[in-house]
Amino acid sequence: MDIFKKLANAGFKDLGFAAWEDGKGLQINNLNLIDANAPGVYIMHNNGVIHKIGKSSASLRKRLSNYRFFDKDILACPEKGIDKSSQRQRKAVKRLSLQGLSVLALEVEIYMKRIPELEIEVKVASFDPHDLEKKLILLVKAEHKLEFGK
């Protein structure tokens, strides 16, 4: 089974094709399909090749909406003045002549767990986005370029 079928079977949502707009960035649509506050993992691909695997430990929707501004030099990086991730992505988009990328997203499900001895409830996550991101990168690295990632 190919990786895209496996991702669909694992519950990744297809957010569709996101056009690249010069001077702006990747215009990801359908963000309303994911929870505004849920963390998660995302995958960006084009023509059967995965170019980016990323995560958000906070809001996946907010992380993906930030891609709308990835073609701007004003992105801050305290050490170097320019965000290296956006710089690498912009170069790859131009070099590969990409019109955009398709985006898949998997949200963390948050549950409440009661600790009776303390009489409190705490949030419990269905998976750790950082751990899933690392394992997905290892899984696909041999067959996909990961132009914008590690």
C-alpha atoms as a PDB file:
ATOM      1  CA  MET A   1       0.000   0.000   0.000  1.00  0.00           C
ATOM      2  CA  ASP A   2       1.438   3.412  -0.909  1.00  0.00           C
ATOM      3  CA  ILE A   3       2.121   6.059   1.721  1.00  0.00           C
ATOM      4  CA  PHE A   4      -0.825   8.276   0.717  1.00  0.00           C
ATOM      5  CA  LYS A   5      -3.330   5.440   1.234  1.00  0.00           C
ATOM      6  CA  LYS A   6      -1.722   4.694   4.597  1.00  0.00           C
ATOM      7  CA  LEU A   7      -2.000   8.364   5.604  1.00  0.00           C
ATOM      8  CA  ALA A   8      -5.684   8.444   4.613  1.00  0.00           C
ATOM      9  CA  ASN A   9      -6.332   5.233   6.548  1.00  0.00           C
ATOM     10  CA  ALA A  10      -4.546   6.747   9.569  1.00  0.00           C
ATOM     11  CA  GLY A  11      -7.045   9.614   9.599  1.00  0.00           C
ATOM     12  CA  PHE A  12      -5.156  12.431   7.840  1.00  0.00           C
ATOM     13  CA  LYS A  13      -7.593  14.995   6.442  1.00  0.00           C
ATOM     14  CA  ASP A  14      -7.046  16.249   2.908  1.00  0.00           C
ATOM     15  CA  LEU A  15      -7.131  20.051   3.017  1.00  0.00           C
ATOM     16  CA  GLY A  16      -6.778  20.176  -0.758  1.00  0.00           C
ATOM     17  CA  PHE A  17      -4.408  22.044  -3.032  1.00  0.00           C
ATOM     18  CA  ALA A  18      -2.874  25.267  -1.713  1.00  0.00           C
ATOM     19  CA  ALA A  19      -1.694  27.682  -4.385  1.00  0.00           C
ATOM     20  CA  TRP A  20       1.635  29.476  -3.960  1.00  0.00           C
ATOM     21  CA  GLU A  21       1.215  33.244  -4.333  1.00  0.00           C
ATOM     22  CA  ASP A  22       4.373  35.280  -4.888  1.00  0.00           C
ATOM     23  CA  GLY A  23       4.822  37.890  -2.194  1.00  0.00           C
ATOM     24  CA  LYS A  24       2.452  36.022   0.115  1.00  0.00           C
ATOM     25  CA  GLY A  25       3.023  32.286   0.409  1.00  0.00           C
ATOM     26  CA  LEU A  26       1.065  29.055   0.467  1.00  0.00           C
ATOM     27  CA  GLN A  27      -2.662  29.812   0.526  1.00  0.00           C
ATOM     28  CA  ILE A  28      -3.988  26.822   2.462  1.00  0.00           C
ATOM     29  CA  ASN A  29      -7.757  26.521   2.247  1.00  0.00           C
ATOM     30  CA  ASN A  30     -10.191  24.423   4.239  1.00  0.00           C
ATOM     31  CA  LEU A  31      -8.579  25.218   7.586  1.00  0.00           C
ATOM     32  CA  ASN A  32     -12.098  25.155   9.006  1.00  0.00           C
ATOM     33  CA  LEU A  33     -11.887  21.339   8.726  1.00  0.00           C
ATOM     34  CA  ILE A  34      -9.497  21.217  11.673  1.00  0.00           C
ATOM     35  CA  ASP A  35     -10.026  22.307  15.264  1.00  0.00           C
ATOM     36  CA  ALA A  36      -8.767  25.825  16.022  1.00  0.00           C
ATOM     37  CA  ASN A  37      -6.941  24.704  19.170  1.00  0.00           C
ATOM     38  CA  ALA A  38      -5.801  21.151  18.457  1.00  0.00           C
ATOM     39  CA  PRO A  39      -2.116  20.327  17.961  1.00  0.00           C
ATOM     40  CA  GLY A  40      -1.163  17.984  15.137  1.00  0.00           C
ATOM     41  CA  VAL A  41       0.997  16.965  12.197  1.00  0.00           C
ATOM     42  CA  TYR A  42       0.843  18.079   8.564  1.00  0.00           C
ATOM     43  CA  ILE A  43       2.245  16.850   5.272  1.00  0.00           C
ATOM     44  CA  MET A  44       2.762  18.901   2.111  1.00  0.00           C
ATOM     45  CA  HIS A  45       3.087  17.109  -1.208  1.00  0.00           C
ATOM     46  CA  ASN A  46       2.928  17.572  -4.960  1.00  0.00           C
ATOM     47  CA  ASN A  47       2.649  14.992  -7.754  1.00  0.00           C
ATOM     48  CA  GLY A  48       3.119  12.044  -5.409  1.00  0.00           C
ATOM     49  CA  VAL A  49       6.222  13.469  -3.726  1.00  0.00           C
ATOM     50  CA  ILE A  50       6.198  14.554  -0.072  1.00  0.00           C
ATOM     51  CA  HIS A  51       8.123  17.821   0.357  1.00  0.00           C
ATOM     52  CA  LYS A  52       7.405  18.726   3.993  1.00  0.00           C
ATOM     53  CA  ILE A  53       6.372  17.021   7.216  1.00  0.00           C
ATOM     54  CA  GLY A  54       5.743  19.365  10.099  1.00  0.00           C
ATOM     55  CA  LYS A  55       3.958  19.660  13.406  1.00  0.00           C
ATOM     56  CA  SER A  56       2.424  22.038  15.847  1.00  0.00           C
ATOM     57  CA  SER A  57       2.440  21.372  19.550  1.00  0.00           C
ATOM     58  CA  ALA A  58      -0.128  24.142  20.000  1.00  0.00           C
ATOM     59  CA  SER A  59      -2.647  25.016  17.258  1.00  0.00           C
ATOM     60  CA  LEU A  60      -2.238  23.140  13.968  1.00  0.00           C
ATOM     61  CA  ARG A  61      -4.684  25.514  12.299  1.00  0.00           C
ATOM     62  CA  LYS A  62      -2.637  28.552  13.341  1.00  0.00           C
ATOM     63  CA  ARG A  63       0.609  26.914  12.180  1.00  0.00           C
ATOM     64  CA  LEU A  64      -0.863  26.178   8.758  1.00  0.00           C
ATOM     65  CA  SER A  65      -2.417  29.637   8.431  1.00  0.00           C
ATOM     66  CA  ASN A  66       1.070  31.128   8.932  1.00  0.00           C
ATOM     67  CA  TYR A  67       2.110  29.585   5.605  1.00  0.00           C
ATOM     68  CA  ARG A  68      -0.030  32.266   3.944  1.00  0.00           C
ATOM     69  CA  PHE A  69       2.811  34.693   4.728  1.00  0.00           C
ATOM     70  CA  PHE A  70       5.814  32.460   3.969  1.00  0.00           C
ATOM     71  CA  ASP A  71       6.989  34.506   0.989  1.00  0.00           C
ATOM     72  CA  LYS A  72       7.891  37.565   3.036  1.00  0.00           C
ATOM     73  CA  ASP A  73      11.305  38.614   4.249  1.00  0.00           C
ATOM     74  CA  ILE A  74       9.845  40.099   7.410  1.00  0.00           C
ATOM     75  CA  LEU A  75       9.565  36.711   9.138  1.00  0.00           C
ATOM     76  CA  ALA A  76      11.677  37.110  12.221  1.00  0.00           C
ATOM     77  CA  CYS A  77      14.399  34.865  13.530  1.00  0.00           C
ATOM     78  CA  PRO A  78      16.183  36.456  16.531  1.00  0.00           C
ATOM     79  CA  GLU A  79      19.573  34.904  15.763  1.00  0.00           C
ATOM     80  CA  LYS A  80      19.774  35.520  12.012  1.00  0.00           C
ATOM     81  CA  GLY A  81      17.063  38.044  11.226  1.00  0.00           C
ATOM     82  CA  ILE A  82      15.407  35.769   8.630  1.00  0.00           C
ATOM     83  CA  ASP A  83      13.356  32.623   9.173  1.00  0.00           C
ATOM     84  CA  LYS A  84      15.444  29.798   7.636  1.00  0.00           C
ATOM     85  CA  SER A  85      12.457  27.483   7.194  1.00  0.00           C
ATOM     86  CA  SER A  86      10.535  29.966   5.042  1.00  0.00           C
ATOM     87  CA  GLN A  87      13.708  30.854   3.151  1.00  0.00           C
ATOM     88  CA  ARG A  88      14.339  27.168   2.311  1.00  0.00           C
ATOM     89  CA  GLN A  89      10.730  26.691   1.222  1.00  0.00           C
ATOM     90  CA  ARG A  90      10.729  29.767  -1.006  1.00  0.00           C
ATOM     91  CA  LYS A  91      13.911  28.607  -2.756  1.00  0.00           C
ATOM     92  CA  ALA A  92      12.495  25.110  -3.299  1.00  0.00           C
ATOM     93  CA  VAL A  93       9.182  26.431  -4.674  1.00  0.00           C
ATOM     94  CA  LYS A  94      11.060  28.557  -7.205  1.00  0.00           C
ATOM     95  CA  ARG A  95      13.603  25.873  -8.118  1.00  0.00           C
ATOM     96  CA  LEU A  96      10.911  23.210  -8.638  1.00  0.00           C
ATOM     97  CA  SER A  97       8.524  25.684 -10.336  1.00  0.00           C
ATOM     98  CA  LEU A  98       5.718  24.585  -8.023  1.00  0.00           C
ATOM     99  CA  GLN A  99       2.333  26.243  -8.384  1.00  0.00           C
ATOM    100  CA  GLY A 100       1.513  25.063  -4.868  1.00  0.00           C
ATOM    101  CA  LEU A 101       1.266  22.013  -2.636  1.00  0.00           C
ATOM    102  CA  SER A 102      -1.467  19.704  -1.423  1.00  0.00           C
ATOM    103  CA  VAL A 103      -1.834  19.540   2.347  1.00  0.00           C
ATOM    104  CA  LEU A 104      -2.800  16.679   4.668  1.00  0.00           C
ATOM    105  CA  ALA A 105      -3.395  17.182   8.401  1.00  0.00           C
ATOM    106  CA  LEU A 106      -3.872  14.935  11.416  1.00  0.00           C
ATOM    107  CA  GLU A 107      -5.139  16.499  14.625  1.00  0.00           C
ATOM    108  CA  VAL A 108      -4.404  15.308  18.116  1.00  0.00           C
ATOM    109  CA  GLU A 109      -7.540  14.248  19.930  1.00  0.00           C
ATOM    110  CA  ILE A 110      -7.718  15.677  23.426  1.00  0.00           C
ATOM    111  CA  TYR A 111      -9.483  13.702  26.135  1.00  0.00           C
ATOM    112  CA  MET A 112     -10.172  14.475  29.757  1.00  0.00           C
ATOM    113  CA  LYS A 113      -8.909  12.028  32.357  1.00  0.00           C
ATOM    114  CA  ARG A 114      -9.978  12.150  35.952  1.00  0.00           C
ATOM    115  CA  ILE A 115      -7.426  11.577  38.689  1.00  0.00           C
ATOM    116  CA  PRO A 116      -9.747  10.584  41.540  1.00  0.00           C
ATOM    117  CA  GLU A 117      -7.114  10.790  44.270  1.00  0.00           C
ATOM    118  CA  LEU A 118      -6.576  14.472  43.476  1.00  0.00           C
ATOM    119  CA  GLU A 119     -10.151  15.178  42.448  1.00  0.00           C
ATOM    120  CA  ILE A 120      -9.049  16.869  39.225  1.00  0.00           C
ATOM    121  CA  GLU A 121      -9.326  16.279  35.491  1.00  0.00           C
ATOM    122  CA  VAL A 122      -6.375  16.670  33.128  1.00  0.00           C
ATOM    123  CA  LYS A 123      -6.042  16.726  29.354  1.00  0.00           C
ATOM    124  CA  VAL A 124      -4.651  13.606  27.687  1.00  0.00           C
ATOM    125  CA  ALA A 125      -3.510  13.593  24.037  1.00  0.00           C
ATOM    126  CA  SER A 126      -4.083  10.766  21.549  1.00  0.00           C
ATOM    127  CA  PHE A 127      -0.491  11.134  20.262  1.00  0.00           C
ATOM    128  CA  ASP A 128       2.588  13.326  20.608  1.00  0.00           C
ATOM    129  CA  PRO A 129       2.969  15.498  17.452  1.00  0.00           C
ATOM    130  CA  HIS A 130       6.759  15.745  17.840  1.00  0.00           C
ATOM    131  CA  ASP A 131       7.151  11.967  18.050  1.00  0.00           C
ATOM    132  CA  LEU A 132       4.832  11.320  15.075  1.00  0.00           C
ATOM    133  CA  GLU A 133       6.619  13.945  12.971  1.00  0.00           C
ATOM    134  CA  LYS A 134      10.022  12.310  13.633  1.00  0.00           C
ATOM    135  CA  LYS A 135       8.714   8.827  12.837  1.00  0.00           C
ATOM    136  CA  LEU A 136       6.963   9.952   9.645  1.00  0.00           C
ATOM    137  CA  ILE A 137      10.151  11.638   8.444  1.00  0.00           C
ATOM    138  CA  LEU A 138      12.072   8.396   8.982  1.00  0.00           C
ATOM    139  CA  LEU A 139       9.326   6.424   7.244  1.00  0.00           C
ATOM    140  CA  VAL A 140       9.214   8.505   4.047  1.00  0.00           C
ATOM    141  CA  LYS A 141      12.738   9.930   3.835  1.00  0.00           C
ATOM    142  CA  ALA A 142      14.109   7.197   1.547  1.00  0.00           C
ATOM    143  CA  GLU A 143      11.424   7.675  -1.113  1.00  0.00           C
ATOM    144  CA  HIS A 144      10.517  11.366  -0.823  1.00  0.00           C
ATOM    145  CA  LYS A 145      12.652  14.470  -1.150  1.00  0.00           C
ATOM    146  CA  LEU A 146      11.437  16.484   1.847  1.00  0.00           C
ATOM    147  CA  GLU A 147      12.597  19.633   0.058  1.00  0.00           C
ATOM    148  CA  PHE A 148      11.326  21.914   2.832  1.00  0.00           C
ATOM    149  CA  GLY A 149      12.113  19.728   5.781  1.00  0.00           C
ATOM    150  CA  LYS A 150      14.812  17.755   7.465  1.00  0.00           C
END
